[in-house]
Structures are given as C-alpha cells and as structure tokens.
Amino acid sequence: MDKRIIGVWKSDLVDEPTRINIGNVLMEFTEGGKLIYKIFENENVQIINMVYQLIDDVIFSDQPSNPQVQKTKYKFKGDNILLLEFDGEITVFKRKV
C-alpha cells in the first residue's frame, strides 16, 4: 500500500473543476482502510464512512451501508497534492497539516 495516501486531504477550491465537480470536501484515509468523506455545504456537513483499498494506481472505495465499489485513479504531485480521476474528471486535493 502507498502510505502517502494516509492522512487528511482537502479539496482545492482554487482549482475550478474541483470546486465545480465536488465542492468543499475533506477526506481522511486511515491505515486501517477506513475513508471518512466529509462534504461541507452551507452550514451543513455530510459525513460518509467508507472503506478503501489501493491496487496499483486505483483507489477502490465502498460504503458498507450502501454497497457499491467505486474505482478512482490517483497520483501524487509532490508530497502534498493528490490528484483523483473519476469518470474522466480530475480533482485536486491538498494535504491538510
């Protein structure tokens, strides 16, 4: 497993495609295979608890309460930028420190 994924990542709202396609999102990848996905909209926060697995350059994520595996390609740009590609759209996340 690529340990660089572990940690908290915030969507880069300066990047227009990221802002338009996913908005204000925080993702936390844990070493134990949990993915906590938080969507911030107005004053509300939606939390989606998922599990994930990395195989090659793909994140396989699933939401146990509503099973459906999603495949998302990923790559790093340096240590603090995570690029995700889903359905042909690339979104940018910055490591939160």
C-alpha atoms as a PDB file:
ATOM      1  CA  MET A   1       0.000   0.000   0.000  1.00  0.00           C
ATOM      2  CA  ASP A   2       1.189   3.510  -0.808  1.00  0.00           C
ATOM      3  CA  LYS A   3       1.446   5.063   2.671  1.00  0.00           C
ATOM      4  CA  ARG A   4       1.478   8.587   1.207  1.00  0.00           C
ATOM      5  CA  ILE A   5      -2.315   8.411   0.972  1.00  0.00           C
ATOM      6  CA  ILE A   6      -2.670   8.195   4.768  1.00  0.00           C
ATOM      7  CA  GLY A   7      -3.873  11.449   6.307  1.00  0.00           C
ATOM      8  CA  VAL A   8      -6.359  14.227   5.716  1.00  0.00           C
ATOM      9  CA  TRP A   9      -6.869  15.794   2.280  1.00  0.00           C
ATOM     10  CA  LYS A  10      -8.885  18.940   1.488  1.00  0.00           C
ATOM     11  CA  SER A  11     -10.342  19.734  -1.911  1.00  0.00           C
ATOM     12  CA  ASP A  12      -8.524  22.581  -3.656  1.00  0.00           C
ATOM     13  CA  LEU A  13     -11.261  25.161  -4.169  1.00  0.00           C
ATOM     14  CA  VAL A  14      -8.895  27.347  -6.228  1.00  0.00           C
ATOM     15  CA  ASP A  15      -8.983  24.640  -8.911  1.00  0.00           C
ATOM     16  CA  GLU A  16     -12.164  25.372 -10.882  1.00  0.00           C
ATOM     17  CA  PRO A  17     -13.014  21.778 -11.945  1.00  0.00           C
ATOM     18  CA  THR A  18     -12.581  20.622  -8.338  1.00  0.00           C
ATOM     19  CA  ARG A  19     -14.748  23.447  -6.996  1.00  0.00           C
ATOM     20  CA  ILE A  20     -17.478  22.807  -9.589  1.00  0.00           C
ATOM     21  CA  ASN A  21     -17.471  18.992  -9.512  1.00  0.00           C
ATOM     22  CA  ILE A  22     -17.112  18.197  -5.814  1.00  0.00           C
ATOM     23  CA  GLY A  23     -17.052  21.437  -3.846  1.00  0.00           C
ATOM     24  CA  ASN A  24     -15.738  21.682  -0.301  1.00  0.00           C
ATOM     25  CA  VAL A  25     -14.703  18.161   0.718  1.00  0.00           C
ATOM     26  CA  LEU A  26     -12.398  16.690   3.337  1.00  0.00           C
ATOM     27  CA  MET A  27     -11.167  13.090   3.040  1.00  0.00           C
ATOM     28  CA  GLU A  28      -9.351  11.152   5.732  1.00  0.00           C
ATOM     29  CA  PHE A  29      -7.610   7.927   4.772  1.00  0.00           C
ATOM     30  CA  THR A  30      -6.595   5.753   7.741  1.00  0.00           C
ATOM     31  CA  GLU A  31      -4.001   2.985   7.878  1.00  0.00           C
ATOM     32  CA  GLY A  32      -6.767   0.528   8.742  1.00  0.00           C
ATOM     33  CA  GLY A  33      -8.533   1.001   5.407  1.00  0.00           C
ATOM     34  CA  LYS A  34     -11.196   3.481   6.518  1.00  0.00           C
ATOM     35  CA  LEU A  35     -12.082   6.517   4.439  1.00  0.00           C
ATOM     36  CA  ILE A  36     -14.043   9.299   6.106  1.00  0.00           C
ATOM     37  CA  TYR A  37     -15.523  11.609   3.471  1.00  0.00           C
ATOM     38  CA  LYS A  38     -16.967  14.944   4.663  1.00  0.00           C
ATOM     39  CA  ILE A  39     -18.950  17.239   2.395  1.00  0.00           C
ATOM     40  CA  PHE A  40     -19.348  20.832   3.596  1.00  0.00           C
ATOM     41  CA  GLU A  41     -22.304  22.691   2.120  1.00  0.00           C
ATOM     42  CA  ASN A  42     -23.530  25.961   3.605  1.00  0.00           C
ATOM     43  CA  GLU A  43     -23.801  25.264   7.348  1.00  0.00           C
ATOM     44  CA  ASN A  44     -24.211  21.502   6.915  1.00  0.00           C
ATOM     45  CA  VAL A  45     -21.671  18.687   6.998  1.00  0.00           C
ATOM     46  CA  GLN A  46     -22.476  15.318   5.471  1.00  0.00           C
ATOM     47  CA  ILE A  47     -20.213  12.500   6.673  1.00  0.00           C
ATOM     48  CA  ILE A  48     -19.868   9.319   4.632  1.00  0.00           C
ATOM     49  CA  ASN A  49     -17.986   6.453   6.258  1.00  0.00           C
ATOM     50  CA  MET A  50     -16.353   4.201   3.705  1.00  0.00           C
ATOM     51  CA  VAL A  51     -13.652   1.594   3.349  1.00  0.00           C
ATOM     52  CA  TYR A  52     -10.917   1.641   0.747  1.00  0.00           C
ATOM     53  CA  GLN A  53      -8.192  -0.450  -0.787  1.00  0.00           C
ATOM     54  CA  LEU A  54      -5.333   0.599  -3.071  1.00  0.00           C
ATOM     55  CA  ILE A  55      -4.397  -1.561  -6.032  1.00  0.00           C
ATOM     56  CA  ASP A  56      -1.707  -0.134  -8.305  1.00  0.00           C
ATOM     57  CA  ASP A  57      -2.836   3.433  -9.102  1.00  0.00           C
ATOM     58  CA  VAL A  58      -6.512   2.884  -8.250  1.00  0.00           C
ATOM     59  CA  ILE A  59      -8.486   3.536  -5.061  1.00  0.00           C
ATOM     60  CA  PHE A  60     -11.322   1.040  -4.629  1.00  0.00           C
ATOM     61  CA  SER A  61     -13.814   2.592  -2.209  1.00  0.00           C
ATOM     62  CA  ASP A  62     -17.065   1.249  -0.861  1.00  0.00           C
ATOM     63  CA  GLN A  63     -19.742   2.457   1.520  1.00  0.00           C
ATOM     64  CA  PRO A  64     -20.762  -0.533   3.679  1.00  0.00           C
ATOM     65  CA  SER A  65     -24.231   0.925   4.399  1.00  0.00           C
ATOM     66  CA  ASN A  66     -24.901   1.211   0.652  1.00  0.00           C
ATOM     67  CA  PRO A  67     -22.514  -1.226  -1.060  1.00  0.00           C
ATOM     68  CA  GLN A  68     -21.207  -0.156  -4.443  1.00  0.00           C
ATOM     69  CA  VAL A  69     -17.499  -0.252  -5.231  1.00  0.00           C
ATOM     70  CA  GLN A  70     -16.145   2.896  -6.881  1.00  0.00           C
ATOM     71  CA  LYS A  71     -12.829   2.979  -8.741  1.00  0.00           C
ATOM     72  CA  THR A  72     -10.824   6.201  -8.750  1.00  0.00           C
ATOM     73  CA  LYS A  73      -7.377   6.607 -10.298  1.00  0.00           C
ATOM     74  CA  TYR A  74      -4.928   8.555  -8.189  1.00  0.00           C
ATOM     75  CA  LYS A  75      -1.477  10.049  -8.399  1.00  0.00           C
ATOM     76  CA  PHE A  76       0.632  12.367  -6.313  1.00  0.00           C
ATOM     77  CA  LYS A  77       2.164  15.644  -7.357  1.00  0.00           C
ATOM     78  CA  GLY A  78       4.927  16.064  -4.809  1.00  0.00           C
ATOM     79  CA  ASP A  79       4.103  15.071  -1.236  1.00  0.00           C
ATOM     80  CA  ASN A  80       1.157  17.355  -0.604  1.00  0.00           C
ATOM     81  CA  ILE A  81      -1.003  17.243  -3.747  1.00  0.00           C
ATOM     82  CA  LEU A  82      -3.307  14.323  -4.548  1.00  0.00           C
ATOM     83  CA  LEU A  83      -4.913  14.140  -7.997  1.00  0.00           C
ATOM     84  CA  LEU A  84      -8.002  11.963  -8.357  1.00  0.00           C
ATOM     85  CA  GLU A  85      -9.529  10.933 -11.672  1.00  0.00           C
ATOM     86  CA  PHE A  86     -13.130   9.717 -11.674  1.00  0.00           C
ATOM     87  CA  ASP A  87     -15.294   9.469 -14.801  1.00  0.00           C
ATOM     88  CA  GLY A  88     -12.686  11.414 -16.776  1.00  0.00           C
ATOM     89  CA  GLU A  89     -12.704  14.377 -14.378  1.00  0.00           C
ATOM     90  CA  ILE A  90      -9.586  15.262 -12.384  1.00  0.00           C
ATOM     91  CA  THR A  91      -9.965  16.794  -8.937  1.00  0.00           C
ATOM     92  CA  VAL A  92      -7.188  18.237  -6.796  1.00  0.00           C
ATOM     93  CA  PHE A  93      -6.697  17.717  -3.067  1.00  0.00           C
ATOM     94  CA  LYS A  94      -4.109  19.269  -0.764  1.00  0.00           C
ATOM     95  CA  ARG A  95      -2.732  17.514   2.292  1.00  0.00           C
ATOM     96  CA  LYS A  96      -4.059  19.134   5.441  1.00  0.00           C
ATOM     97  CA  VAL A  97      -1.310  19.620   8.003  1.00  0.00           C
END
